[in-house]
Amino acid sequence: KLTPRRLIIIITPTNARDPHQGVHLRRLANTLRLVPPPLLWVVVEPSAGKKKELSEMLRSTGTMYRHLEYRENFTAAEAELEHQRNLALKHLERHRLSGIVHFAGIHSVYDLDFFDHLRETE
């Protein structure tokens, strides 16, 4: 008997001021590519960021993703991070996407068993 897997939604806020952002995102993308579907990766960045480079990298990952941008300017990093998370959650609500949400920073490192345990969350 096959049971359908629950959708995992990974939300990743980015920081355009991080010079190693591309490397960290590529590492996270390589991890997410190994997670059995369904998985949706939501990447949020300021519109002044390296839009073209990030878009090309996301397309090459082989992972289902959504790329969100915003125009607001922030002086406090914590306020910007909170705004990015809220923007992603509003996007999920607007498009009625239902699943298990996890906020993954670009510096995070994961064991693949984590995603299996995450799917079992009620």
PDB file of N, CA and C in Angstrom:
ATOM      1  N   LYS A   1       0.849  -1.179   0.000  1.00  0.00           N
ATOM      2  CA  LYS A   1       0.000   0.000   0.000  1.00  0.00           C
ATOM      3  C   LYS A   1       0.891   1.238   0.000  1.00  0.00           C
ATOM      4  N   LEU A   2       0.661   2.117  -0.963  1.00  0.00           N
ATOM      5  CA  LEU A   2       1.421   3.357  -1.045  1.00  0.00           C
ATOM      6  C   LEU A   2       0.691   4.478  -0.322  1.00  0.00           C
ATOM      7  N   THR A   3       1.434   5.224   0.448  1.00  0.00           N
ATOM      8  CA  THR A   3       0.861   6.397   1.105  1.00  0.00           C
ATOM      9  C   THR A   3       1.519   7.638   0.525  1.00  0.00           C
ATOM     10  N   PRO A   4       0.725   8.641   0.184  1.00  0.00           N
ATOM     11  CA  PRO A   4       1.319   9.855  -0.404  1.00  0.00           C
ATOM     12  C   PRO A   4       2.157  10.594   0.632  1.00  0.00           C
ATOM     13  N   ARG A   5       3.246  11.165   0.149  1.00  0.00           N
ATOM     14  CA  ARG A   5       4.111  11.960   1.028  1.00  0.00           C
ATOM     15  C   ARG A   5       3.548  13.362   1.154  1.00  0.00           C
ATOM     16  N   ARG A   6       3.733  13.933   2.320  1.00  0.00           N
ATOM     17  CA  ARG A   6       3.294  15.307   2.539  1.00  0.00           C
ATOM     18  C   ARG A   6       4.299  16.270   1.933  1.00  0.00           C
ATOM     19  N   LEU A   7       3.794  17.386   1.432  1.00  0.00           N
ATOM     20  CA  LEU A   7       4.632  18.418   0.837  1.00  0.00           C
ATOM     21  C   LEU A   7       5.469  19.099   1.919  1.00  0.00           C
ATOM     22  N   ILE A   8       6.757  19.205   1.656  1.00  0.00           N
ATOM     23  CA  ILE A   8       7.654  19.971   2.526  1.00  0.00           C
ATOM     24  C   ILE A   8       7.932  21.292   1.818  1.00  0.00           C
ATOM     25  N   ILE A   9       7.735  22.384   2.530  1.00  0.00           N
ATOM     26  CA  ILE A   9       7.986  23.717   1.989  1.00  0.00           C
ATOM     27  C   ILE A   9       9.164  24.310   2.757  1.00  0.00           C
ATOM     28  N   ILE A  10      10.256  24.521   2.047  1.00  0.00           N
ATOM     29  CA  ILE A  10      11.469  25.081   2.647  1.00  0.00           C
ATOM     30  C   ILE A  10      11.530  26.558   2.273  1.00  0.00           C
ATOM     31  N   ILE A  11      11.555  27.427   3.268  1.00  0.00           N
ATOM     32  CA  ILE A  11      11.646  28.874   3.041  1.00  0.00           C
ATOM     33  C   ILE A  11      13.049  29.324   3.399  1.00  0.00           C
ATOM     34  N   THR A  12      13.715  29.964   2.420  1.00  0.00           N
ATOM     35  CA  THR A  12      15.083  30.420   2.630  1.00  0.00           C
ATOM     36  C   THR A  12      15.198  31.914   2.358  1.00  0.00           C
ATOM     37  N   PRO A  13      15.333  32.719   3.422  1.00  0.00           N
ATOM     38  CA  PRO A  13      15.622  34.142   3.229  1.00  0.00           C
ATOM     39  C   PRO A  13      17.089  34.310   2.839  1.00  0.00           C
ATOM     40  N   THR A  14      17.377  35.273   1.985  1.00  0.00           N
ATOM     41  CA  THR A  14      18.760  35.499   1.560  1.00  0.00           C
ATOM     42  C   THR A  14      19.195  36.908   1.934  1.00  0.00           C
ATOM     43  N   ASN A  15      20.483  37.133   1.832  1.00  0.00           N
ATOM     44  CA  ASN A  15      21.050  38.431   2.126  1.00  0.00           C
ATOM     45  C   ASN A  15      21.980  38.799   0.977  1.00  0.00           C
ATOM     46  N   ALA A  16      21.622  39.799   0.218  1.00  0.00           N
ATOM     47  CA  ALA A  16      22.405  40.192  -0.960  1.00  0.00           C
ATOM     48  C   ALA A  16      23.801  40.688  -0.574  1.00  0.00           C
ATOM     49  N   ARG A  17      23.986  41.062   0.690  1.00  0.00           N
ATOM     50  CA  ARG A  17      25.292  41.567   1.127  1.00  0.00           C
ATOM     51  C   ARG A  17      26.282  40.444   1.440  1.00  0.00           C
ATOM     52  N   ASP A  18      25.820  39.201   1.434  1.00  0.00           N
ATOM     53  CA  ASP A  18      26.694  38.060   1.715  1.00  0.00           C
ATOM     54  C   ASP A  18      27.481  37.714   0.450  1.00  0.00           C
ATOM     55  N   PRO A  19      28.806  37.864   0.465  1.00  0.00           N
ATOM     56  CA  PRO A  19      29.588  37.592  -0.749  1.00  0.00           C
ATOM     57  C   PRO A  19      29.610  36.112  -1.137  1.00  0.00           C
ATOM     58  N   HIS A  20      29.285  35.224  -0.206  1.00  0.00           N
ATOM     59  CA  HIS A  20      29.302  33.789  -0.470  1.00  0.00           C
ATOM     60  C   HIS A  20      27.902  33.206  -0.596  1.00  0.00           C
ATOM     61  N   GLN A  21      26.923  34.063  -0.840  1.00  0.00           N
ATOM     62  CA  GLN A  21      25.532  33.618  -0.904  1.00  0.00           C
ATOM     63  C   GLN A  21      25.337  32.506  -1.934  1.00  0.00           C
ATOM     64  N   GLY A  22      25.922  32.662  -3.115  1.00  0.00           N
ATOM     65  CA  GLY A  22      25.753  31.669  -4.169  1.00  0.00           C
ATOM     66  C   GLY A  22      26.275  30.295  -3.768  1.00  0.00           C
ATOM     67  N   VAL A  23      27.398  30.277  -3.096  1.00  0.00           N
ATOM     68  CA  VAL A  23      27.994  29.008  -2.652  1.00  0.00           C
ATOM     69  C   VAL A  23      27.087  28.325  -1.634  1.00  0.00           C
ATOM     70  N   HIS A  24      26.597  29.093  -0.668  1.00  0.00           N
ATOM     71  CA  HIS A  24      25.734  28.522   0.365  1.00  0.00           C
ATOM     72  C   HIS A  24      24.414  28.033  -0.221  1.00  0.00           C
ATOM     73  N   LEU A  25      23.846  28.808  -1.142  1.00  0.00           N
ATOM     74  CA  LEU A  25      22.596  28.387  -1.765  1.00  0.00           C
ATOM     75  C   LEU A  25      22.794  27.136  -2.615  1.00  0.00           C
ATOM     76  N   ARG A  26      23.911  27.041  -3.301  1.00  0.00           N
ATOM     77  CA  ARG A  26      24.190  25.855  -4.114  1.00  0.00           C
ATOM     78  C   ARG A  26      24.320  24.626  -3.219  1.00  0.00           C
ATOM     79  N   ARG A  27      24.972  24.764  -2.075  1.00  0.00           N
ATOM     80  CA  ARG A  27      25.102  23.638  -1.145  1.00  0.00           C
ATOM     81  C   ARG A  27      23.730  23.196  -0.643  1.00  0.00           C
ATOM     82  N   LEU A  28      22.895  24.164  -0.262  1.00  0.00           N
ATOM     83  CA  LEU A  28      21.551  23.838   0.200  1.00  0.00           C
ATOM     84  C   LEU A  28      20.739  23.213  -0.927  1.00  0.00           C
ATOM     85  N   ALA A  29      20.880  23.728  -2.144  1.00  0.00           N
ATOM     86  CA  ALA A  29      20.168  23.167  -3.295  1.00  0.00           C
ATOM     87  C   ALA A  29      20.572  21.720  -3.535  1.00  0.00           C
ATOM     88  N   ASN A  30      21.856  21.413  -3.403  1.00  0.00           N
ATOM     89  CA  ASN A  30      22.323  20.042  -3.600  1.00  0.00           C
ATOM     90  C   ASN A  30      21.729  19.098  -2.559  1.00  0.00           C
ATOM     91  N   THR A  31      21.556  19.586  -1.342  1.00  0.00           N
ATOM     92  CA  THR A  31      20.913  18.779  -0.298  1.00  0.00           C
ATOM     93  C   THR A  31      19.446  18.569  -0.625  1.00  0.00           C
ATOM     94  N   LEU A  32      18.744  19.645  -0.988  1.00  0.00           N
ATOM     95  CA  LEU A  32      17.305  19.555  -1.265  1.00  0.00           C
ATOM     96  C   LEU A  32      17.017  18.677  -2.479  1.00  0.00           C
ATOM     97  N   ARG A  33      17.935  18.623  -3.411  1.00  0.00           N
ATOM     98  CA  ARG A  33      17.745  17.780  -4.597  1.00  0.00           C
ATOM     99  C   ARG A  33      17.667  16.303  -4.214  1.00  0.00           C
ATOM    100  N   LEU A  34      18.291  15.929  -3.110  1.00  0.00           N
ATOM    101  CA  LEU A  34      18.307  14.535  -2.666  1.00  0.00           C
ATOM    102  C   LEU A  34      17.069  14.143  -1.856  1.00  0.00           C
ATOM    103  N   VAL A  35      16.254  15.126  -1.477  1.00  0.00           N
ATOM    104  CA  VAL A  35      15.046  14.855  -0.694  1.00  0.00           C
ATOM    105  C   VAL A  35      13.970  14.333  -1.642  1.00  0.00           C
ATOM    106  N   PRO A  36      13.331  13.206  -1.305  1.00  0.00           N
ATOM    107  CA  PRO A  36      12.270  12.687  -2.169  1.00  0.00           C
ATOM    108  C   PRO A  36      11.118  13.692  -2.293  1.00  0.00           C
ATOM    109  N   PRO A  37      10.550  13.841  -3.491  1.00  0.00           N
ATOM    110  CA  PRO A  37       9.446  14.785  -3.677  1.00  0.00           C
ATOM    111  C   PRO A  37       8.215  14.321  -2.913  1.00  0.00           C
ATOM    112  N   PRO A  38       7.275  15.188  -2.662  1.00  0.00           N
ATOM    113  CA  PRO A  38       7.176  16.582  -3.087  1.00  0.00           C
ATOM    114  C   PRO A  38       7.882  17.531  -2.125  1.00  0.00           C
ATOM    115  N   LEU A  39       8.587  18.469  -2.697  1.00  0.00           N
ATOM    116  CA  LEU A  39       9.287  19.502  -1.942  1.00  0.00           C
ATOM    117  C   LEU A  39       9.225  20.788  -2.745  1.00  0.00           C
ATOM    118  N   LEU A  40       8.937  21.883  -2.074  1.00  0.00           N
ATOM    119  CA  LEU A  40       8.922  23.205  -2.699  1.00  0.00           C
ATOM    120  C   LEU A  40       9.905  24.083  -1.942  1.00  0.00           C
ATOM    121  N   TRP A  41      10.803  24.719  -2.675  1.00  0.00           N
ATOM    122  CA  TRP A  41      11.800  25.605  -2.088  1.00  0.00           C
ATOM    123  C   TRP A  41      11.418  27.036  -2.422  1.00  0.00           C
ATOM    124  N   VAL A  42      11.178  27.850  -1.398  1.00  0.00           N
ATOM    125  CA  VAL A  42      10.825  29.256  -1.569  1.00  0.00           C
ATOM    126  C   VAL A  42      12.039  30.082  -1.163  1.00  0.00           C
ATOM    127  N   VAL A  43      12.612  30.792  -2.131  1.00  0.00           N
ATOM    128  CA  VAL A  43      13.792  31.618  -1.889  1.00  0.00           C
ATOM    129  C   VAL A  43      13.363  33.074  -1.974  1.00  0.00           C
ATOM    130  N   VAL A  44      13.663  33.847  -0.926  1.00  0.00           N
ATOM    131  CA  VAL A  44      13.253  35.252  -0.852  1.00  0.00           C
ATOM    132  C   VAL A  44      14.502  36.123  -0.844  1.00  0.00           C
ATOM    133  N   GLU A  45      14.513  37.140  -1.713  1.00  0.00           N
ATOM    134  CA  GLU A  45      15.663  38.045  -1.779  1.00  0.00           C
ATOM    135  C   GLU A  45      15.204  39.462  -2.085  1.00  0.00           C
ATOM    136  N   PRO A  46      16.037  40.453  -1.724  1.00  0.00           N
ATOM    137  CA  PRO A  46      15.723  41.837  -2.107  1.00  0.00           C
ATOM    138  C   PRO A  46      15.862  41.992  -3.619  1.00  0.00           C
ATOM    139  N   SER A  47      15.030  42.834  -4.203  1.00  0.00           N
ATOM    140  CA  SER A  47      15.052  42.986  -5.659  1.00  0.00           C
ATOM    141  C   SER A  47      16.341  43.620  -6.155  1.00  0.00           C
ATOM    142  N   ALA A  48      17.107  44.236  -5.288  1.00  0.00           N
ATOM    143  CA  ALA A  48      18.385  44.832  -5.682  1.00  0.00           C
ATOM    144  C   ALA A  48      19.504  43.795  -5.713  1.00  0.00           C
ATOM    145  N   GLY A  49      19.185  42.539  -5.385  1.00  0.00           N
ATOM    146  CA  GLY A  49      20.197  41.487  -5.347  1.00  0.00           C
ATOM    147  C   GLY A  49      20.639  41.062  -6.733  1.00  0.00           C
ATOM    148  N   LYS A  50      21.415  39.990  -6.771  1.00  0.00           N
ATOM    149  CA  LYS A  50      21.940  39.465  -8.032  1.00  0.00           C
ATOM    150  C   LYS A  50      20.883  38.558  -8.659  1.00  0.00           C
ATOM    151  N   LYS A  51      19.820  39.171  -9.124  1.00  0.00           N
ATOM    152  CA  LYS A  51      18.635  38.471  -9.598  1.00  0.00           C
ATOM    153  C   LYS A  51      18.944  37.454 -10.696  1.00  0.00           C
ATOM    154  N   LYS A  52      19.683  37.852 -11.688  1.00  0.00           N
ATOM    155  CA  LYS A  52      19.949  36.971 -12.823  1.00  0.00           C
ATOM    156  C   LYS A  52      20.755  35.745 -12.403  1.00  0.00           C
ATOM    157  N   GLU A  53      21.794  35.949 -11.612  1.00  0.00           N
ATOM    158  CA  GLU A  53      22.634  34.841 -11.169  1.00  0.00           C
ATOM    159  C   GLU A  53      21.850  33.859 -10.308  1.00  0.00           C
ATOM    160  N   LEU A  54      21.048  34.392  -9.387  1.00  0.00           N
ATOM    161  CA  LEU A  54      20.272  33.526  -8.508  1.00  0.00           C
ATOM    162  C   LEU A  54      19.211  32.770  -9.301  1.00  0.00           C
ATOM    163  N   SER A  55      18.549  33.432 -10.220  1.00  0.00           N
ATOM    164  CA  SER A  55      17.528  32.772 -11.036  1.00  0.00           C
ATOM    165  C   SER A  55      18.120  31.623 -11.846  1.00  0.00           C
ATOM    166  N   GLU A  56      19.274  31.860 -12.448  1.00  0.00           N
ATOM    167  CA  GLU A  56      19.930  30.809 -13.231  1.00  0.00           C
ATOM    168  C   GLU A  56      20.339  29.632 -12.350  1.00  0.00           C
ATOM    169  N   MET A  57      20.842  29.924 -11.157  1.00  0.00           N
ATOM    170  CA  MET A  57      21.239  28.867 -10.234  1.00  0.00           C
ATOM    171  C   MET A  57      20.023  28.050  -9.805  1.00  0.00           C
ATOM    172  N   LEU A  58      18.908  28.727  -9.494  1.00  0.00           N
ATOM    173  CA  LEU A  58      17.702  28.019  -9.070  1.00  0.00           C
ATOM    174  C   LEU A  58      17.167  27.119 -10.181  1.00  0.00           C
ATOM    175  N   ARG A  59      17.191  27.607 -11.413  1.00  0.00           N
ATOM    176  CA  ARG A  59      16.720  26.803 -12.540  1.00  0.00           C
ATOM    177  C   ARG A  59      17.570  25.548 -12.734  1.00  0.00           C
ATOM    178  N   SER A  60      18.834  25.629 -12.435  1.00  0.00           N
ATOM    179  CA  SER A  60      19.731  24.498 -12.667  1.00  0.00           C
ATOM    180  C   SER A  60      19.702  23.456 -11.547  1.00  0.00           C
ATOM    181  N   THR A  61      18.973  23.704 -10.477  1.00  0.00           N
ATOM    182  CA  THR A  61      19.000  22.788  -9.331  1.00  0.00           C
ATOM    183  C   THR A  61      18.196  21.517  -9.535  1.00  0.00           C
ATOM    184  N   GLY A  62      17.175  21.555 -10.374  1.00  0.00           N
ATOM    185  CA  GLY A  62      16.310  20.390 -10.526  1.00  0.00           C
ATOM    186  C   GLY A  62      15.303  20.273  -9.399  1.00  0.00           C
ATOM    187  N   THR A  63      15.175  21.307  -8.592  1.00  0.00           N
ATOM    188  CA  THR A  63      14.240  21.337  -7.473  1.00  0.00           C
ATOM    189  C   THR A  63      13.103  22.290  -7.792  1.00  0.00           C
ATOM    190  N   MET A  64      11.866  21.916  -7.416  1.00  0.00           N
ATOM    191  CA  MET A  64      10.740  22.817  -7.609  1.00  0.00           C
ATOM    192  C   MET A  64      10.924  24.013  -6.665  1.00  0.00           C
ATOM    193  N   TYR A  65      10.819  25.228  -7.208  1.00  0.00           N
ATOM    194  CA  TYR A  65      11.098  26.406  -6.392  1.00  0.00           C
ATOM    195  C   TYR A  65      10.170  27.553  -6.758  1.00  0.00           C
ATOM    196  N   ARG A  66      10.125  28.525  -5.862  1.00  0.00           N
ATOM    197  CA  ARG A  66       9.499  29.822  -6.103  1.00  0.00           C
ATOM    198  C   ARG A  66      10.524  30.867  -5.688  1.00  0.00           C
ATOM    199  N   HIS A  67      10.702  31.873  -6.515  1.00  0.00           N
ATOM    200  CA  HIS A  67      11.671  32.932  -6.260  1.00  0.00           C
ATOM    201  C   HIS A  67      10.899  34.212  -6.004  1.00  0.00           C
ATOM    202  N   LEU A  68      10.947  34.710  -4.776  1.00  0.00           N
ATOM    203  CA  LEU A  68      10.207  35.916  -4.394  1.00  0.00           C
ATOM    204  C   LEU A  68      11.170  37.070  -4.173  1.00  0.00           C
ATOM    205  N   GLU A  69      10.728  38.270  -4.537  1.00  0.00           N
ATOM    206  CA  GLU A  69      11.530  39.476  -4.339  1.00  0.00           C
ATOM    207  C   GLU A  69      10.690  40.544  -3.658  1.00  0.00           C
ATOM    208  N   TYR A  70      11.372  41.488  -3.036  1.00  0.00           N
ATOM    209  CA  TYR A  70      10.702  42.627  -2.406  1.00  0.00           C
ATOM    210  C   TYR A  70      11.547  43.867  -2.621  1.00  0.00           C
ATOM    211  N   ARG A  71      10.898  45.042  -2.525  1.00  0.00           N
ATOM    212  CA  ARG A  71      11.581  46.308  -2.799  1.00  0.00           C
ATOM    213  C   ARG A  71      11.933  47.118  -1.550  1.00  0.00           C
ATOM    214  N   GLU A  72      11.378  46.763  -0.414  1.00  0.00           N
ATOM    215  CA  GLU A  72      11.595  47.537   0.804  1.00  0.00           C
ATOM    216  C   GLU A  72      13.077  47.535   1.195  1.00  0.00           C
ATOM    217  N   ASN A  73      13.493  48.641   1.817  1.00  0.00           N
ATOM    218  CA  ASN A  73      14.857  48.758   2.338  1.00  0.00           C
ATOM    219  C   ASN A  73      14.832  48.653   3.857  1.00  0.00           C
ATOM    220  N   PHE A  74      15.830  47.994   4.406  1.00  0.00           N
ATOM    221  CA  PHE A  74      15.909  47.796   5.857  1.00  0.00           C
ATOM    222  C   PHE A  74      17.297  48.155   6.349  1.00  0.00           C
ATOM    223  N   THR A  75      17.352  48.701   7.556  1.00  0.00           N
ATOM    224  CA  THR A  75      18.640  48.975   8.186  1.00  0.00           C
ATOM    225  C   THR A  75      18.973  47.889   9.211  1.00  0.00           C
ATOM    226  N   ALA A  76      17.942  47.279   9.778  1.00  0.00           N
ATOM    227  CA  ALA A  76      18.139  46.220  10.769  1.00  0.00           C
ATOM    228  C   ALA A  76      17.992  44.854  10.098  1.00  0.00           C
ATOM    229  N   ALA A  77      18.991  44.007  10.250  1.00  0.00           N
ATOM    230  CA  ALA A  77      18.978  42.680   9.623  1.00  0.00           C
ATOM    231  C   ALA A  77      17.831  41.815  10.138  1.00  0.00           C
ATOM    232  N   GLU A  78      17.530  41.923  11.425  1.00  0.00           N
ATOM    233  CA  GLU A  78      16.460  41.112  12.004  1.00  0.00           C
ATOM    234  C   GLU A  78      15.099  41.510  11.435  1.00  0.00           C
ATOM    235  N   ALA A  79      14.874  42.793  11.239  1.00  0.00           N
ATOM    236  CA  ALA A  79      13.618  43.257  10.644  1.00  0.00           C
ATOM    237  C   ALA A  79      13.479  42.770   9.205  1.00  0.00           C
ATOM    238  N   GLU A  80      14.588  42.766   8.474  1.00  0.00           N
ATOM    239  CA  GLU A  80      14.560  42.287   7.094  1.00  0.00           C
ATOM    240  C   GLU A  80      14.265  40.788   7.050  1.00  0.00           C
ATOM    241  N   LEU A  81      14.879  40.024   7.931  1.00  0.00           N
ATOM    242  CA  LEU A  81      14.648  38.589   7.995  1.00  0.00           C
ATOM    243  C   LEU A  81      13.183  38.282   8.309  1.00  0.00           C
ATOM    244  N   GLU A  82      12.623  39.024   9.256  1.00  0.00           N
ATOM    245  CA  GLU A  82      11.215  38.845   9.606  1.00  0.00           C
ATOM    246  C   GLU A  82      10.311  39.179   8.418  1.00  0.00           C
ATOM    247  N   HIS A  83      10.638  40.241   7.697  1.00  0.00           N
ATOM    248  CA  HIS A  83       9.862  40.627   6.522  1.00  0.00           C
ATOM    249  C   HIS A  83       9.914  39.532   5.448  1.00  0.00           C
ATOM    250  N   GLN A  84      11.091  38.959   5.229  1.00  0.00           N
ATOM    251  CA  GLN A  84      11.240  37.901   4.231  1.00  0.00           C
ATOM    252  C   GLN A  84      10.399  36.681   4.598  1.00  0.00           C
ATOM    253  N   ARG A  85      10.423  36.301   5.847  1.00  0.00           N
ATOM    254  CA  ARG A  85       9.617  35.153   6.286  1.00  0.00           C
ATOM    255  C   ARG A  85       8.139  35.425   6.112  1.00  0.00           C
ATOM    256  N   ASN A  86       7.699  36.614   6.514  1.00  0.00           N
ATOM    257  CA  ASN A  86       6.287  36.960   6.372  1.00  0.00           C
ATOM    258  C   ASN A  86       5.861  37.015   4.907  1.00  0.00           C
ATOM    259  N   LEU A  87       6.725  37.527   4.051  1.00  0.00           N
ATOM    260  CA  LEU A  87       6.431  37.577   2.618  1.00  0.00           C
ATOM    261  C   LEU A  87       6.233  36.166   2.066  1.00  0.00           C
ATOM    262  N   ALA A  88       7.085  35.250   2.452  1.00  0.00           N
ATOM    263  CA  ALA A  88       6.957  33.865   1.998  1.00  0.00           C
ATOM    264  C   ALA A  88       5.665  33.228   2.522  1.00  0.00           C
ATOM    265  N   LEU A  89       5.345  33.463   3.783  1.00  0.00           N
ATOM    266  CA  LEU A  89       4.120  32.897   4.346  1.00  0.00           C
ATOM    267  C   LEU A  89       2.878  33.470   3.669  1.00  0.00           C
ATOM    268  N   LYS A  90       2.895  34.758   3.355  1.00  0.00           N
ATOM    269  CA  LYS A  90       1.770  35.363   2.630  1.00  0.00           C
ATOM    270  C   LYS A  90       1.628  34.751   1.242  1.00  0.00           C
ATOM    271  N   HIS A  91       2.751  34.458   0.601  1.00  0.00           N
ATOM    272  CA  HIS A  91       2.732  33.823  -0.714  1.00  0.00           C
ATOM    273  C   HIS A  91       2.084  32.439  -0.626  1.00  0.00           C
ATOM    274  N   LEU A  92       2.449  31.666   0.384  1.00  0.00           N
ATOM    275  CA  LEU A  92       1.864  30.344   0.574  1.00  0.00           C
ATOM    276  C   LEU A  92       0.364  30.438   0.823  1.00  0.00           C
ATOM    277  N   GLU A  93      -0.027  31.417   1.632  1.00  0.00           N
ATOM    278  CA  GLU A  93      -1.441  31.604   1.936  1.00  0.00           C
ATOM    279  C   GLU A  93      -2.217  32.041   0.685  1.00  0.00           C
ATOM    280  N   ARG A  94      -1.654  32.987  -0.069  1.00  0.00           N
ATOM    281  CA  ARG A  94      -2.315  33.509  -1.274  1.00  0.00           C
ATOM    282  C   ARG A  94      -2.540  32.408  -2.310  1.00  0.00           C
ATOM    283  N   HIS A  95      -1.571  31.509  -2.444  1.00  0.00           N
ATOM    284  CA  HIS A  95      -1.670  30.451  -3.437  1.00  0.00           C
ATOM    285  C   HIS A  95      -2.195  29.135  -2.858  1.00  0.00           C
ATOM    286  N   ARG A  96      -2.631  29.194  -1.601  1.00  0.00           N
ATOM    287  CA  ARG A  96      -3.237  28.053  -0.915  1.00  0.00           C
ATOM    288  C   ARG A  96      -2.359  26.800  -0.971  1.00  0.00           C
ATOM    289  N   LEU A  97      -1.090  27.009  -0.701  1.00  0.00           N
ATOM    290  CA  LEU A  97      -0.148  25.892  -0.656  1.00  0.00           C
ATOM    291  C   LEU A  97      -0.136  25.322   0.759  1.00  0.00           C
ATOM    292  N   SER A  98      -0.367  24.060   0.855  1.00  0.00           N
ATOM    293  CA  SER A  98      -0.456  23.408   2.153  1.00  0.00           C
ATOM    294  C   SER A  98       0.667  22.394   2.288  1.00  0.00           C
ATOM    295  N   GLY A  99       1.366  22.458   3.378  1.00  0.00           N
ATOM    296  CA  GLY A  99       2.446  21.521   3.620  1.00  0.00           C
ATOM    297  C   GLY A  99       3.129  21.828   4.937  1.00  0.00           C
ATOM    298  N   ILE A 100       4.219  21.155   5.165  1.00  0.00           N
ATOM    299  CA  ILE A 100       5.013  21.356   6.375  1.00  0.00           C
ATOM    300  C   ILE A 100       6.069  22.399   6.045  1.00  0.00           C
ATOM    301  N   VAL A 101       6.049  23.505   6.781  1.00  0.00           N
ATOM    302  CA  VAL A 101       6.953  24.624   6.508  1.00  0.00           C
ATOM    303  C   VAL A 101       8.171  24.546   7.418  1.00  0.00           C
ATOM    304  N   HIS A 102       9.337  24.743   6.800  1.00  0.00           N
ATOM    305  CA  HIS A 102      10.584  24.813   7.553  1.00  0.00           C
ATOM    306  C   HIS A 102      11.378  26.015   7.047  1.00  0.00           C
ATOM    307  N   PHE A 103      11.862  26.842   7.956  1.00  0.00           N
ATOM    308  CA  PHE A 103      12.691  27.984   7.594  1.00  0.00           C
ATOM    309  C   PHE A 103      14.151  27.537   7.617  1.00  0.00           C
ATOM    310  N   ALA A 104      14.773  27.510   6.448  1.00  0.00           N
ATOM    311  CA  ALA A 104      16.150  27.041   6.332  1.00  0.00           C
ATOM    312  C   ALA A 104      17.052  28.199   5.939  1.00  0.00           C
ATOM    313  N   GLY A 105      17.980  28.529   6.803  1.00  0.00           N
ATOM    314  CA  GLY A 105      18.956  29.556   6.485  1.00  0.00           C
ATOM    315  C   GLY A 105      19.972  29.019   5.490  1.00  0.00           C
ATOM    316  N   ILE A 106      20.618  29.907   4.752  1.00  0.00           N
ATOM    317  CA  ILE A 106      21.560  29.436   3.743  1.00  0.00           C
ATOM    318  C   ILE A 106      22.824  28.842   4.368  1.00  0.00           C
ATOM    319  N   HIS A 107      23.039  29.098   5.640  1.00  0.00           N
ATOM    320  CA  HIS A 107      24.212  28.541   6.314  1.00  0.00           C
ATOM    321  C   HIS A 107      23.914  27.201   6.989  1.00  0.00           C
ATOM    322  N   SER A 108      22.665  26.760   6.917  1.00  0.00           N
ATOM    323  CA  SER A 108      22.271  25.513   7.577  1.00  0.00           C
ATOM    324  C   SER A 108      22.787  24.293   6.825  1.00  0.00           C
ATOM    325  N   VAL A 109      23.074  23.245   7.588  1.00  0.00           N
ATOM    326  CA  VAL A 109      23.511  21.968   7.040  1.00  0.00           C
ATOM    327  C   VAL A 109      22.538  20.913   7.557  1.00  0.00           C
ATOM    328  N   TYR A 110      22.112  20.005   6.671  1.00  0.00           N
ATOM    329  CA  TYR A 110      21.077  19.042   7.035  1.00  0.00           C
ATOM    330  C   TYR A 110      21.495  17.611   6.746  1.00  0.00           C
ATOM    331  N   ASP A 111      20.995  16.715   7.591  1.00  0.00           N
ATOM    332  CA  ASP A 111      21.056  15.283   7.353  1.00  0.00           C
ATOM    333  C   ASP A 111      19.741  14.938   6.651  1.00  0.00           C
ATOM    334  N   LEU A 112      19.770  14.067   5.660  1.00  0.00           N
ATOM    335  CA  LEU A 112      18.552  13.752   4.906  1.00  0.00           C
ATOM    336  C   LEU A 112      17.474  13.108   5.766  1.00  0.00           C
ATOM    337  N   ASP A 113      17.856  12.442   6.853  1.00  0.00           N
ATOM    338  CA  ASP A 113      16.862  11.862   7.759  1.00  0.00           C
ATOM    339  C   ASP A 113      15.970  12.938   8.374  1.00  0.00           C
ATOM    340  N   PHE A 114      16.500  14.142   8.500  1.00  0.00           N
ATOM    341  CA  PHE A 114      15.718  15.250   9.050  1.00  0.00           C
ATOM    342  C   PHE A 114      14.431  15.448   8.257  1.00  0.00           C
ATOM    343  N   PHE A 115      14.521  15.369   6.934  1.00  0.00           N
ATOM    344  CA  PHE A 115      13.347  15.609   6.088  1.00  0.00           C
ATOM    345  C   PHE A 115      12.331  14.489   6.205  1.00  0.00           C
ATOM    346  N   ASP A 116      12.795  13.250   6.428  1.00  0.00           N
ATOM    347  CA  ASP A 116      11.863  12.153   6.671  1.00  0.00           C
ATOM    348  C   ASP A 116      11.108  12.375   7.970  1.00  0.00           C
ATOM    349  N   HIS A 117      11.805  12.801   8.995  1.00  0.00           N
ATOM    350  CA  HIS A 117      11.161  13.089  10.277  1.00  0.00           C
ATOM    351  C   HIS A 117      10.235  14.292  10.154  1.00  0.00           C
ATOM    352  N   LEU A 118      10.624  15.257   9.371  1.00  0.00           N
ATOM    353  CA  LEU A 118       9.793  16.441   9.165  1.00  0.00           C
ATOM    354  C   LEU A 118       8.472  16.068   8.523  1.00  0.00           C
ATOM    355  N   ARG A 119       8.492  15.161   7.572  1.00  0.00           N
ATOM    356  CA  ARG A 119       7.259  14.723   6.902  1.00  0.00           C
ATOM    357  C   ARG A 119       6.293  14.027   7.845  1.00  0.00           C
ATOM    358  N   GLU A 120       6.820  13.428   8.886  1.00  0.00           N
ATOM    359  CA  GLU A 120       5.974  12.714   9.839  1.00  0.00           C
ATOM    360  C   GLU A 120       5.304  13.644  10.842  1.00  0.00           C
ATOM    361  N   THR A 121       5.655  14.921  10.801  1.00  0.00           N
ATOM    362  CA  THR A 121       5.105  15.908  11.730  1.00  0.00           C
ATOM    363  C   THR A 121       3.618  16.079  11.506  1.00  0.00           C
ATOM    364  N   GLU A 122       2.867  16.107  12.569  1.00  0.00           N
ATOM    365  CA  GLU A 122       1.418  16.350  12.500  1.00  0.00           C
ATOM    366  C   GLU A 122       1.104  17.751  12.911  1.00  0.00           C
TER     367      GLU A 122
END
